[in-house]
Amino acid sequence: MFGKPSSLTEARRMLRRLSGYTHRVTTACALIQGKRKRVFSVTTRVTFRELSDRQISNYIQAVPVLDKAGAYAVQEKGEWVVEALRGSLTNVVGLPLERLQSELSAWFDTVSSRT
């Protein structure tokens, strides 16, 4: 599991570990209103490019990595580090909007059918 790095050294280490590998980004969401709830998760597979030390240094200089889980942001020069993404891009950014929209639509359809 990759959280936010506490230093640039740790960020560099994370990017080295991700280099050339595929990892999963999973986001869990919950919709709750009174006793009613719906919990779901979305997983996206992200494949990193093989990164040299120089490429990692360039990325760390260009992107503020300390506030990003895994020390990267697909929406900030992500093409420098990400080779392929299978699943929801918005999930990797932080919130799976496509699935959330679907869940909210079903949520409100259920509410309107009760009235």
PDB file of N, CA and C in Angstrom:
ATOM      1  N   MET A   1       0.842  -1.183   0.000  1.00  0.00           N
ATOM      2  CA  MET A   1       0.000   0.000   0.000  1.00  0.00           C
ATOM      3  C   MET A   1       0.884   1.243   0.000  1.00  0.00           C
ATOM      4  N   PHE A   2       0.501   2.192  -0.810  1.00  0.00           N
ATOM      5  CA  PHE A   2       1.248   3.444  -0.917  1.00  0.00           C
ATOM      6  C   PHE A   2       0.389   4.590  -0.415  1.00  0.00           C
ATOM      7  N   GLY A   3       0.878   5.249   0.601  1.00  0.00           N
ATOM      8  CA  GLY A   3       0.237   6.475   1.060  1.00  0.00           C
ATOM      9  C   GLY A   3       0.970   7.658   0.459  1.00  0.00           C
ATOM     10  N   LYS A   4       0.834   8.795   1.110  1.00  0.00           N
ATOM     11  CA  LYS A   4       1.554   9.984   0.668  1.00  0.00           C
ATOM     12  C   LYS A   4       2.965   9.922   1.236  1.00  0.00           C
ATOM     13  N   PRO A   5       3.962  10.200   0.428  1.00  0.00           N
ATOM     14  CA  PRO A   5       5.338  10.146   0.922  1.00  0.00           C
ATOM     15  C   PRO A   5       5.606  11.273   1.933  1.00  0.00           C
ATOM     16  N   SER A   6       6.455  10.982   2.908  1.00  0.00           N
ATOM     17  CA  SER A   6       6.777  11.976   3.933  1.00  0.00           C
ATOM     18  C   SER A   6       7.991  12.823   3.555  1.00  0.00           C
ATOM     19  N   SER A   7       8.673  12.426   2.488  1.00  0.00           N
ATOM     20  CA  SER A   7       9.860  13.167   2.047  1.00  0.00           C
ATOM     21  C   SER A   7      10.091  12.898   0.567  1.00  0.00           C
ATOM     22  N   LEU A   8      10.940  13.696  -0.035  1.00  0.00           N
ATOM     23  CA  LEU A   8      11.283  13.461  -1.441  1.00  0.00           C
ATOM     24  C   LEU A   8      12.044  12.151  -1.608  1.00  0.00           C
ATOM     25  N   THR A   9      12.820  11.786  -0.607  1.00  0.00           N
ATOM     26  CA  THR A   9      13.532  10.505  -0.650  1.00  0.00           C
ATOM     27  C   THR A   9      12.539   9.351  -0.688  1.00  0.00           C
ATOM     28  N   GLU A  10      11.513   9.434   0.135  1.00  0.00           N
ATOM     29  CA  GLU A  10      10.493   8.385   0.132  1.00  0.00           C
ATOM     30  C   GLU A  10       9.707   8.398  -1.188  1.00  0.00           C
ATOM     31  N   ALA A  11       9.429   9.587  -1.733  1.00  0.00           N
ATOM     32  CA  ALA A  11       8.741   9.698  -3.018  1.00  0.00           C
ATOM     33  C   ALA A  11       9.559   9.019  -4.111  1.00  0.00           C
ATOM     34  N   ARG A  12      10.840   9.272  -4.124  1.00  0.00           N
ATOM     35  CA  ARG A  12      11.742   8.658  -5.104  1.00  0.00           C
ATOM     36  C   ARG A  12      11.700   7.131  -4.969  1.00  0.00           C
ATOM     37  N   ARG A  13      11.717   6.654  -3.739  1.00  0.00           N
ATOM     38  CA  ARG A  13      11.670   5.211  -3.474  1.00  0.00           C
ATOM     39  C   ARG A  13      10.358   4.609  -3.993  1.00  0.00           C
ATOM     40  N   MET A  14       9.252   5.302  -3.759  1.00  0.00           N
ATOM     41  CA  MET A  14       7.947   4.806  -4.236  1.00  0.00           C
ATOM     42  C   MET A  14       7.923   4.718  -5.757  1.00  0.00           C
ATOM     43  N   LEU A  15       8.379   5.761  -6.413  1.00  0.00           N
ATOM     44  CA  LEU A  15       8.367   5.768  -7.885  1.00  0.00           C
ATOM     45  C   LEU A  15       9.274   4.683  -8.443  1.00  0.00           C
ATOM     46  N   ARG A  16      10.399   4.415  -7.786  1.00  0.00           N
ATOM     47  CA  ARG A  16      11.277   3.311  -8.218  1.00  0.00           C
ATOM     48  C   ARG A  16      10.559   1.982  -8.095  1.00  0.00           C
ATOM     49  N   ARG A  17       9.823   1.794  -6.995  1.00  0.00           N
ATOM     50  CA  ARG A  17       9.101   0.528  -6.778  1.00  0.00           C
ATOM     51  C   ARG A  17       7.972   0.348  -7.784  1.00  0.00           C
ATOM     52  N   LEU A  18       7.325   1.438  -8.171  1.00  0.00           N
ATOM     53  CA  LEU A  18       6.231   1.360  -9.138  1.00  0.00           C
ATOM     54  C   LEU A  18       6.732   1.180 -10.569  1.00  0.00           C
ATOM     55  N   SER A  19       7.940   1.627 -10.837  1.00  0.00           N
ATOM     56  CA  SER A  19       8.522   1.605 -12.177  1.00  0.00           C
ATOM     57  C   SER A  19       8.461   0.209 -12.807  1.00  0.00           C
ATOM     58  N   GLY A  20       7.815   0.140 -13.980  1.00  0.00           N
ATOM     59  CA  GLY A  20       7.757  -1.113 -14.728  1.00  0.00           C
ATOM     60  C   GLY A  20       6.716  -2.099 -14.244  1.00  0.00           C
ATOM     61  N   TYR A  21       5.942  -1.738 -13.251  1.00  0.00           N
ATOM     62  CA  TYR A  21       4.955  -2.657 -12.680  1.00  0.00           C
ATOM     63  C   TYR A  21       3.539  -2.124 -12.835  1.00  0.00           C
ATOM     64  N   THR A  22       2.587  -3.049 -12.683  1.00  0.00           N
ATOM     65  CA  THR A  22       1.175  -2.694 -12.648  1.00  0.00           C
ATOM     66  C   THR A  22       0.709  -2.770 -11.202  1.00  0.00           C
ATOM     67  N   HIS A  23      -0.015  -1.744 -10.787  1.00  0.00           N
ATOM     68  CA  HIS A  23      -0.597  -1.747  -9.450  1.00  0.00           C
ATOM     69  C   HIS A  23      -2.079  -1.405  -9.555  1.00  0.00           C
ATOM     70  N   ARG A  24      -2.788  -1.596  -8.458  1.00  0.00           N
ATOM     71  CA  ARG A  24      -4.224  -1.322  -8.428  1.00  0.00           C
ATOM     72  C   ARG A  24      -4.495  -0.118  -7.532  1.00  0.00           C
ATOM     73  N   VAL A  25      -5.391   0.732  -8.002  1.00  0.00           N
ATOM     74  CA  VAL A  25      -5.884   1.852  -7.207  1.00  0.00           C
ATOM     75  C   VAL A  25      -7.342   1.542  -6.903  1.00  0.00           C
ATOM     76  N   THR A  26      -7.673   1.427  -5.620  1.00  0.00           N
ATOM     77  CA  THR A  26      -9.039   1.122  -5.208  1.00  0.00           C
ATOM     78  C   THR A  26      -9.570   2.261  -4.355  1.00  0.00           C
ATOM     79  N   THR A  27     -10.776   2.695  -4.688  1.00  0.00           N
ATOM     80  CA  THR A  27     -11.456   3.735  -3.926  1.00  0.00           C
ATOM     81  C   THR A  27     -12.770   3.164  -3.424  1.00  0.00           C
ATOM     82  N   ALA A  28     -13.012   3.294  -2.124  1.00  0.00           N
ATOM     83  CA  ALA A  28     -14.270   2.862  -1.526  1.00  0.00           C
ATOM     84  C   ALA A  28     -15.140   4.091  -1.290  1.00  0.00           C
ATOM     85  N   CYS A  29     -16.424   3.937  -1.547  1.00  0.00           N
ATOM     86  CA  CYS A  29     -17.381   5.037  -1.366  1.00  0.00           C
ATOM     87  C   CYS A  29     -18.582   4.523  -0.583  1.00  0.00           C
ATOM     88  N   ALA A  30     -19.215   5.429   0.155  1.00  0.00           N
ATOM     89  CA  ALA A  30     -20.433   5.078   0.888  1.00  0.00           C
ATOM     90  C   ALA A  30     -21.446   6.204   0.742  1.00  0.00           C
ATOM     91  N   LEU A  31     -22.666   5.819   0.408  1.00  0.00           N
ATOM     92  CA  LEU A  31     -23.795   6.737   0.394  1.00  0.00           C
ATOM     93  C   LEU A  31     -24.653   6.361   1.602  1.00  0.00           C
ATOM     94  N   ILE A  32     -24.885   7.307   2.490  1.00  0.00           N
ATOM     95  CA  ILE A  32     -25.622   7.013   3.720  1.00  0.00           C
ATOM     96  C   ILE A  32     -26.641   8.115   3.965  1.00  0.00           C
ATOM     97  N   GLN A  33     -27.867   7.691   4.242  1.00  0.00           N
ATOM     98  CA  GLN A  33     -28.922   8.621   4.629  1.00  0.00           C
ATOM     99  C   GLN A  33     -29.811   7.889   5.628  1.00  0.00           C
ATOM    100  N   GLY A  34     -29.717   8.281   6.886  1.00  0.00           N
ATOM    101  CA  GLY A  34     -30.461   7.573   7.930  1.00  0.00           C
ATOM    102  C   GLY A  34     -30.016   6.122   7.989  1.00  0.00           C
ATOM    103  N   LYS A  35     -30.992   5.198   7.878  1.00  0.00           N
ATOM    104  CA  LYS A  35     -30.668   3.762   7.913  1.00  0.00           C
ATOM    105  C   LYS A  35     -30.312   3.208   6.542  1.00  0.00           C
ATOM    106  N   ARG A  36     -30.507   4.021   5.540  1.00  0.00           N
ATOM    107  CA  ARG A  36     -30.240   3.583   4.164  1.00  0.00           C
ATOM    108  C   ARG A  36     -28.772   3.805   3.833  1.00  0.00           C
ATOM    109  N   LYS A  37     -28.145   2.785   3.256  1.00  0.00           N
ATOM    110  CA  LYS A  37     -26.752   2.967   2.846  1.00  0.00           C
ATOM    111  C   LYS A  37     -26.422   2.098   1.649  1.00  0.00           C
ATOM    112  N   ARG A  38     -25.453   2.546   0.916  1.00  0.00           N
ATOM    113  CA  ARG A  38     -24.928   1.819  -0.246  1.00  0.00           C
ATOM    114  C   ARG A  38     -23.422   2.008  -0.230  1.00  0.00           C
ATOM    115  N   VAL A  39     -22.698   0.914  -0.183  1.00  0.00           N
ATOM    116  CA  VAL A  39     -21.235   0.946  -0.156  1.00  0.00           C
ATOM    117  C   VAL A  39     -20.722   0.231  -1.395  1.00  0.00           C
ATOM    118  N   PHE A  40     -19.733   0.833  -2.053  1.00  0.00           N
ATOM    119  CA  PHE A  40     -19.158   0.219  -3.252  1.00  0.00           C
ATOM    120  C   PHE A  40     -17.702   0.618  -3.382  1.00  0.00           C
ATOM    121  N   SER A  41     -16.990  -0.102  -4.205  1.00  0.00           N
ATOM    122  CA  SER A  41     -15.590   0.250  -4.478  1.00  0.00           C
ATOM    123  C   SER A  41     -15.323   0.090  -5.969  1.00  0.00           C
ATOM    124  N   VAL A  42     -14.309   0.813  -6.423  1.00  0.00           N
ATOM    125  CA  VAL A  42     -13.891   0.764  -7.823  1.00  0.00           C
ATOM    126  C   VAL A  42     -12.382   0.539  -7.830  1.00  0.00           C
ATOM    127  N   THR A  43     -11.935  -0.373  -8.670  1.00  0.00           N
ATOM    128  CA  THR A  43     -10.507  -0.663  -8.789  1.00  0.00           C
ATOM    129  C   THR A  43     -10.055  -0.420 -10.225  1.00  0.00           C
ATOM    130  N   THR A  44      -8.934   0.269 -10.357  1.00  0.00           N
ATOM    131  CA  THR A  44      -8.327   0.566 -11.652  1.00  0.00           C
ATOM    132  C   THR A  44      -6.907   0.020 -11.643  1.00  0.00           C
ATOM    133  N   ARG A  45      -6.495  -0.574 -12.740  1.00  0.00           N
ATOM    134  CA  ARG A  45      -5.123  -1.086 -12.868  1.00  0.00           C
ATOM    135  C   ARG A  45      -4.280  -0.052 -13.604  1.00  0.00           C
ATOM    136  N   VAL A  46      -3.160   0.314 -12.999  1.00  0.00           N
ATOM    137  CA  VAL A  46      -2.262   1.325 -13.556  1.00  0.00           C
ATOM    138  C   VAL A  46      -0.899   0.676 -13.793  1.00  0.00           C
ATOM    139  N   THR A  47      -0.425   0.732 -15.041  1.00  0.00           N
ATOM    140  CA  THR A  47       0.890   0.193 -15.384  1.00  0.00           C
ATOM    141  C   THR A  47       1.854   1.356 -15.569  1.00  0.00           C
ATOM    142  N   PHE A  48       2.954   1.294 -14.832  1.00  0.00           N
ATOM    143  CA  PHE A  48       3.985   2.327 -14.924  1.00  0.00           C
ATOM    144  C   PHE A  48       4.989   2.014 -16.017  1.00  0.00           C
ATOM    145  N   ARG A  49       5.539   3.048 -16.599  1.00  0.00           N
ATOM    146  CA  ARG A  49       6.664   2.914 -17.522  1.00  0.00           C
ATOM    147  C   ARG A  49       7.893   2.484 -16.724  1.00  0.00           C
ATOM    148  N   GLU A  50       8.865   1.935 -17.412  1.00  0.00           N
ATOM    149  CA  GLU A  50      10.183   1.723 -16.803  1.00  0.00           C
ATOM    150  C   GLU A  50      10.811   3.103 -16.666  1.00  0.00           C
ATOM    151  N   LEU A  51      11.115   3.520 -15.455  1.00  0.00           N
ATOM    152  CA  LEU A  51      11.631   4.865 -15.216  1.00  0.00           C
ATOM    153  C   LEU A  51      13.094   4.834 -14.806  1.00  0.00           C
ATOM    154  N   SER A  52      13.875   5.690 -15.421  1.00  0.00           N
ATOM    155  CA  SER A  52      15.274   5.851 -15.009  1.00  0.00           C
ATOM    156  C   SER A  52      15.315   6.793 -13.810  1.00  0.00           C
ATOM    157  N   ASP A  53      16.458   6.831 -13.132  1.00  0.00           N
ATOM    158  CA  ASP A  53      16.618   7.761 -12.020  1.00  0.00           C
ATOM    159  C   ASP A  53      16.428   9.202 -12.484  1.00  0.00           C
ATOM    160  N   ARG A  54      16.886   9.498 -13.682  1.00  0.00           N
ATOM    161  CA  ARG A  54      16.739  10.856 -14.220  1.00  0.00           C
ATOM    162  C   ARG A  54      15.267  11.198 -14.470  1.00  0.00           C
ATOM    163  N   GLN A  55      14.517  10.256 -15.018  1.00  0.00           N
ATOM    164  CA  GLN A  55      13.094  10.482 -15.254  1.00  0.00           C
ATOM    165  C   GLN A  55      12.348  10.701 -13.930  1.00  0.00           C
ATOM    166  N   ILE A  56      12.708   9.938 -12.930  1.00  0.00           N
ATOM    167  CA  ILE A  56      12.100  10.101 -11.610  1.00  0.00           C
ATOM    168  C   ILE A  56      12.432  11.478 -11.050  1.00  0.00           C
ATOM    169  N   SER A  57      13.666  11.888 -11.153  1.00  0.00           N
ATOM    170  CA  SER A  57      14.074  13.215 -10.672  1.00  0.00           C
ATOM    171  C   SER A  57      13.319  14.318 -11.402  1.00  0.00           C
ATOM    172  N   ASN A  58      13.208  14.195 -12.719  1.00  0.00           N
ATOM    173  CA  ASN A  58      12.474  15.193 -13.508  1.00  0.00           C
ATOM    174  C   ASN A  58      11.009  15.269 -13.069  1.00  0.00           C
ATOM    175  N   TYR A  59      10.408  14.108 -12.826  1.00  0.00           N
ATOM    176  CA  TYR A  59       9.012  14.083 -12.407  1.00  0.00           C
ATOM    177  C   TYR A  59       8.843  14.749 -11.038  1.00  0.00           C
ATOM    178  N   ILE A  60       9.739  14.424 -10.119  1.00  0.00           N
ATOM    179  CA  ILE A  60       9.674  14.997  -8.772  1.00  0.00           C
ATOM    180  C   ILE A  60       9.872  16.514  -8.805  1.00  0.00           C
ATOM    181  N   GLN A  61      10.681  16.999  -9.717  1.00  0.00           N
ATOM    182  CA  GLN A  61      10.882  18.443  -9.852  1.00  0.00           C
ATOM    183  C   GLN A  61       9.662  19.126 -10.479  1.00  0.00           C
ATOM    184  N   ALA A  62       8.946  18.434 -11.334  1.00  0.00           N
ATOM    185  CA  ALA A  62       7.827  19.032 -12.076  1.00  0.00           C
ATOM    186  C   ALA A  62       6.492  18.952 -11.339  1.00  0.00           C
ATOM    187  N   VAL A  63       6.338  17.958 -10.467  1.00  0.00           N
ATOM    188  CA  VAL A  63       5.051  17.705  -9.819  1.00  0.00           C
ATOM    189  C   VAL A  63       5.241  17.714  -8.298  1.00  0.00           C
ATOM    190  N   PRO A  64       4.373  18.405  -7.557  1.00  0.00           N
ATOM    191  CA  PRO A  64       4.453  18.378  -6.089  1.00  0.00           C
ATOM    192  C   PRO A  64       3.978  17.016  -5.564  1.00  0.00           C
ATOM    193  N   VAL A  65       4.906  16.096  -5.392  1.00  0.00           N
ATOM    194  CA  VAL A  65       4.579  14.695  -5.119  1.00  0.00           C
ATOM    195  C   VAL A  65       4.255  14.379  -3.661  1.00  0.00           C
ATOM    196  N   LEU A  66       4.581  15.264  -2.746  1.00  0.00           N
ATOM    197  CA  LEU A  66       4.416  14.933  -1.330  1.00  0.00           C
ATOM    198  C   LEU A  66       2.962  14.864  -0.882  1.00  0.00           C
ATOM    199  N   ASP A  67       2.048  15.433  -1.641  1.00  0.00           N
ATOM    200  CA  ASP A  67       0.638  15.364  -1.258  1.00  0.00           C
ATOM    201  C   ASP A  67      -0.145  14.358  -2.112  1.00  0.00           C
ATOM    202  N   LYS A  68       0.582  13.394  -2.685  1.00  0.00           N
ATOM    203  CA  LYS A  68      -0.056  12.428  -3.583  1.00  0.00           C
ATOM    204  C   LYS A  68       0.278  10.995  -3.170  1.00  0.00           C
ATOM    205  N   ALA A  69      -0.751  10.190  -3.009  1.00  0.00           N
ATOM    206  CA  ALA A  69      -0.533   8.781  -2.705  1.00  0.00           C
ATOM    207  C   ALA A  69       0.266   8.137  -3.834  1.00  0.00           C
ATOM    208  N   GLY A  70       1.281   7.397  -3.467  1.00  0.00           N
ATOM    209  CA  GLY A  70       2.138   6.772  -4.465  1.00  0.00           C
ATOM    210  C   GLY A  70       3.118   7.727  -5.111  1.00  0.00           C
ATOM    211  N   ALA A  71       3.101   8.985  -4.688  1.00  0.00           N
ATOM    212  CA  ALA A  71       4.021  10.025  -5.185  1.00  0.00           C
ATOM    213  C   ALA A  71       3.800  10.364  -6.652  1.00  0.00           C
ATOM    214  N   TYR A  72       2.570  10.149  -7.145  1.00  0.00           N
ATOM    215  CA  TYR A  72       2.289  10.545  -8.530  1.00  0.00           C
ATOM    216  C   TYR A  72       0.838  10.973  -8.654  1.00  0.00           C
ATOM    217  N   ALA A  73       0.581  11.723  -9.702  1.00  0.00           N
ATOM    218  CA  ALA A  73      -0.784  12.143 -10.034  1.00  0.00           C
ATOM    219  C   ALA A  73      -0.971  11.926 -11.526  1.00  0.00           C
ATOM    220  N   VAL A  74      -1.898  11.074 -11.876  1.00  0.00           N
ATOM    221  CA  VAL A  74      -2.118  10.769 -13.286  1.00  0.00           C
ATOM    222  C   VAL A  74      -2.529  12.027 -14.052  1.00  0.00           C
ATOM    223  N   GLN A  75      -3.132  12.993 -13.367  1.00  0.00           N
ATOM    224  CA  GLN A  75      -3.587  14.218 -14.020  1.00  0.00           C
ATOM    225  C   GLN A  75      -2.506  15.292 -14.093  1.00  0.00           C
ATOM    226  N   GLU A  76      -1.350  15.049 -13.507  1.00  0.00           N
ATOM    227  CA  GLU A  76      -0.236  16.004 -13.554  1.00  0.00           C
ATOM    228  C   GLU A  76       0.986  15.316 -14.157  1.00  0.00           C
ATOM    229  N   LYS A  77       1.154  15.481 -15.447  1.00  0.00           N
ATOM    230  CA  LYS A  77       2.255  14.867 -16.184  1.00  0.00           C
ATOM    231  C   LYS A  77       2.267  13.339 -16.017  1.00  0.00           C
ATOM    232  N   GLY A  78       1.074  12.796 -15.878  1.00  0.00           N
ATOM    233  CA  GLY A  78       0.947  11.350 -15.716  1.00  0.00           C
ATOM    234  C   GLY A  78       1.513  10.572 -16.887  1.00  0.00           C
ATOM    235  N   GLU A  79       1.474  11.195 -18.075  1.00  0.00           N
ATOM    236  CA  GLU A  79       2.021  10.512 -19.257  1.00  0.00           C
ATOM    237  C   GLU A  79       3.520  10.272 -19.122  1.00  0.00           C
ATOM    238  N   TRP A  80       4.177  10.982 -18.236  1.00  0.00           N
ATOM    239  CA  TRP A  80       5.612  10.766 -18.006  1.00  0.00           C
ATOM    240  C   TRP A  80       5.863   9.444 -17.284  1.00  0.00           C
ATOM    241  N   VAL A  81       4.904   9.018 -16.445  1.00  0.00           N
ATOM    242  CA  VAL A  81       5.136   7.839 -15.609  1.00  0.00           C
ATOM    243  C   VAL A  81       4.194   6.679 -15.913  1.00  0.00           C
ATOM    244  N   VAL A  82       3.013   6.956 -16.431  1.00  0.00           N
ATOM    245  CA  VAL A  82       2.018   5.910 -16.649  1.00  0.00           C
ATOM    246  C   VAL A  82       2.041   5.457 -18.104  1.00  0.00           C
ATOM    247  N   GLU A  83       2.164   4.152 -18.273  1.00  0.00           N
ATOM    248  CA  GLU A  83       2.152   3.547 -19.610  1.00  0.00           C
ATOM    249  C   GLU A  83       0.737   3.172 -20.028  1.00  0.00           C
ATOM    250  N   ALA A  84      -0.035   2.619 -19.098  1.00  0.00           N
ATOM    251  CA  ALA A  84      -1.390   2.174 -19.421  1.00  0.00           C
ATOM    252  C   ALA A  84      -2.269   2.256 -18.183  1.00  0.00           C
ATOM    253  N   LEU A  85      -3.560   2.442 -18.448  1.00  0.00           N
ATOM    254  CA  LEU A  85      -4.538   2.517 -17.369  1.00  0.00           C
ATOM    255  C   LEU A  85      -5.750   1.715 -17.809  1.00  0.00           C
ATOM    256  N   ARG A  86      -6.155   0.743 -16.998  1.00  0.00           N
ATOM    257  CA  ARG A  86      -7.318  -0.082 -17.315  1.00  0.00           C
ATOM    258  C   ARG A  86      -8.363   0.118 -16.225  1.00  0.00           C
ATOM    259  N   GLY A  87      -9.418   0.843 -16.606  1.00  0.00           N
ATOM    260  CA  GLY A  87     -10.476   1.147 -15.644  1.00  0.00           C
ATOM    261  C   GLY A  87     -10.756   2.632 -15.640  1.00  0.00           C
ATOM    262  N   SER A  88     -11.209   3.123 -14.520  1.00  0.00           N
ATOM    263  CA  SER A  88     -11.648   4.505 -14.383  1.00  0.00           C
ATOM    264  C   SER A  88     -10.496   5.467 -14.112  1.00  0.00           C
ATOM    265  N   LEU A  89     -10.317   6.420 -15.015  1.00  0.00           N
ATOM    266  CA  LEU A  89      -9.323   7.475 -14.801  1.00  0.00           C
ATOM    267  C   LEU A  89      -9.696   8.319 -13.586  1.00  0.00           C
ATOM    268  N   THR A  90     -10.984   8.657 -13.448  1.00  0.00           N
ATOM    269  CA  THR A  90     -11.373   9.508 -12.324  1.00  0.00           C
ATOM    270  C   THR A  90     -11.168   8.804 -10.984  1.00  0.00           C
ATOM    271  N   ASN A  91     -11.196   7.492 -10.969  1.00  0.00           N
ATOM    272  CA  ASN A  91     -10.883   6.741  -9.757  1.00  0.00           C
ATOM    273  C   ASN A  91      -9.442   7.008  -9.322  1.00  0.00           C
ATOM    274  N   VAL A  92      -8.528   6.997 -10.281  1.00  0.00           N
ATOM    275  CA  VAL A  92      -7.117   7.222  -9.973  1.00  0.00           C
ATOM    276  C   VAL A  92      -6.897   8.670  -9.539  1.00  0.00           C
ATOM    277  N   VAL A  93      -7.650   9.593 -10.117  1.00  0.00           N
ATOM    278  CA  VAL A  93      -7.552  11.000  -9.718  1.00  0.00           C
ATOM    279  C   VAL A  93      -8.045  11.171  -8.282  1.00  0.00           C
ATOM    280  N   GLY A  94      -9.039  10.377  -7.869  1.00  0.00           N
ATOM    281  CA  GLY A  94      -9.473  10.480  -6.485  1.00  0.00           C
ATOM    282  C   GLY A  94     -10.907  10.092  -6.200  1.00  0.00           C
ATOM    283  N   LEU A  95     -11.796  10.141  -7.195  1.00  0.00           N
ATOM    284  CA  LEU A  95     -13.192   9.775  -6.969  1.00  0.00           C
ATOM    285  C   LEU A  95     -13.759   9.205  -8.262  1.00  0.00           C
ATOM    286  N   PRO A  96     -14.246   7.962  -8.219  1.00  0.00           N
ATOM    287  CA  PRO A  96     -14.752   7.327  -9.443  1.00  0.00           C
ATOM    288  C   PRO A  96     -16.095   7.931  -9.867  1.00  0.00           C
ATOM    289  N   LEU A  97     -16.031   9.028 -10.597  1.00  0.00           N
ATOM    290  CA  LEU A  97     -17.223   9.803 -10.916  1.00  0.00           C
ATOM    291  C   LEU A  97     -18.257   9.032 -11.723  1.00  0.00           C
ATOM    292  N   GLU A  98     -17.814   8.200 -12.676  1.00  0.00           N
ATOM    293  CA  GLU A  98     -18.753   7.454 -13.508  1.00  0.00           C
ATOM    294  C   GLU A  98     -19.609   6.521 -12.631  1.00  0.00           C
ATOM    295  N   ARG A  99     -18.964   5.792 -11.767  1.00  0.00           N
ATOM    296  CA  ARG A  99     -19.683   4.865 -10.884  1.00  0.00           C
ATOM    297  C   ARG A  99     -20.529   5.630  -9.873  1.00  0.00           C
ATOM    298  N   LEU A 100     -20.002   6.718  -9.337  1.00  0.00           N
ATOM    299  CA  LEU A 100     -20.757   7.516  -8.389  1.00  0.00           C
ATOM    300  C   LEU A 100     -22.028   8.055  -9.030  1.00  0.00           C
ATOM    301  N   GLN A 101     -21.918   8.533 -10.267  1.00  0.00           N
ATOM    302  CA  GLN A 101     -23.098   9.039 -10.975  1.00  0.00           C
ATOM    303  C   GLN A 101     -24.148   7.938 -11.133  1.00  0.00           C
ATOM    304  N   SER A 102     -23.692   6.754 -11.496  1.00  0.00           N
ATOM    305  CA  SER A 102     -24.598   5.616 -11.653  1.00  0.00           C
ATOM    306  C   SER A 102     -25.272   5.258 -10.327  1.00  0.00           C
ATOM    307  N   GLU A 103     -24.492   5.214  -9.262  1.00  0.00           N
ATOM    308  CA  GLU A 103     -25.021   4.872  -7.938  1.00  0.00           C
ATOM    309  C   GLU A 103     -26.008   5.935  -7.457  1.00  0.00           C
ATOM    310  N   LEU A 104     -25.674   7.210  -7.674  1.00  0.00           N
ATOM    311  CA  LEU A 104     -26.583   8.287  -7.250  1.00  0.00           C
ATOM    312  C   LEU A 104     -27.882   8.259  -8.047  1.00  0.00           C
ATOM    313  N   SER A 105     -27.777   7.964  -9.328  1.00  0.00           N
ATOM    314  CA  SER A 105     -28.966   7.863 -10.162  1.00  0.00           C
ATOM    315  C   SER A 105     -29.885   6.754  -9.639  1.00  0.00           C
ATOM    316  N   ALA A 106     -29.320   5.601  -9.355  1.00  0.00           N
ATOM    317  CA  ALA A 106     -30.107   4.489  -8.805  1.00  0.00           C
ATOM    318  C   ALA A 106     -30.648   4.855  -7.424  1.00  0.00           C
ATOM    319  N   TRP A 107     -29.862   5.524  -6.628  1.00  0.00           N
ATOM    320  CA  TRP A 107     -30.254   5.953  -5.282  1.00  0.00           C
ATOM    321  C   TRP A 107     -31.506   6.829  -5.362  1.00  0.00           C
ATOM    322  N   PHE A 108     -31.470   7.848  -6.236  1.00  0.00           N
ATOM    323  CA  PHE A 108     -32.590   8.782  -6.339  1.00  0.00           C
ATOM    324  C   PHE A 108     -33.774   8.169  -7.079  1.00  0.00           C
ATOM    325  N   ASP A 109     -33.526   7.248  -8.006  1.00  0.00           N
ATOM    326  CA  ASP A 109     -34.634   6.539  -8.654  1.00  0.00           C
ATOM    327  C   ASP A 109     -35.415   5.735  -7.622  1.00  0.00           C
ATOM    328  N   THR A 110     -34.696   5.112  -6.698  1.00  0.00           N
ATOM    329  CA  THR A 110     -35.334   4.331  -5.631  1.00  0.00           C
ATOM    330  C   THR A 110     -36.150   5.231  -4.731  1.00  0.00           C
ATOM    331  N   VAL A 111     -35.615   6.401  -4.401  1.00  0.00           N
ATOM    332  CA  VAL A 111     -36.335   7.355  -3.552  1.00  0.00           C
ATOM    333  C   VAL A 111     -37.592   7.839  -4.247  1.00  0.00           C
ATOM    334  N   SER A 112     -37.499   8.207  -5.538  1.00  0.00           N
ATOM    335  CA  SER A 112     -38.666   8.730  -6.255  1.00  0.00           C
ATOM    336  C   SER A 112     -39.720   7.653  -6.485  1.00  0.00           C
ATOM    337  N   SER A 113     -39.313   6.391  -6.579  1.00  0.00           N
ATOM    338  CA  SER A 113     -40.307   5.323  -6.778  1.00  0.00           C
ATOM    339  C   SER A 113     -41.065   5.003  -5.476  1.00  0.00           C
ATOM    340  N   ARG A 114     -40.495   5.409  -4.349  1.00  0.00           N
ATOM    341  CA  ARG A 114     -41.178   5.194  -3.062  1.00  0.00           C
ATOM    342  C   ARG A 114     -42.261   6.232  -2.826  1.00  0.00           C
ATOM    343  N   THR A 115     -42.158   7.377  -3.484  1.00  0.00           N
ATOM    344  CA  THR A 115     -43.127   8.449  -3.224  1.00  0.00           C
ATOM    345  C   THR A 115     -44.276   8.434  -4.201  1.00  0.00           C
TER     346      THR A 115
END
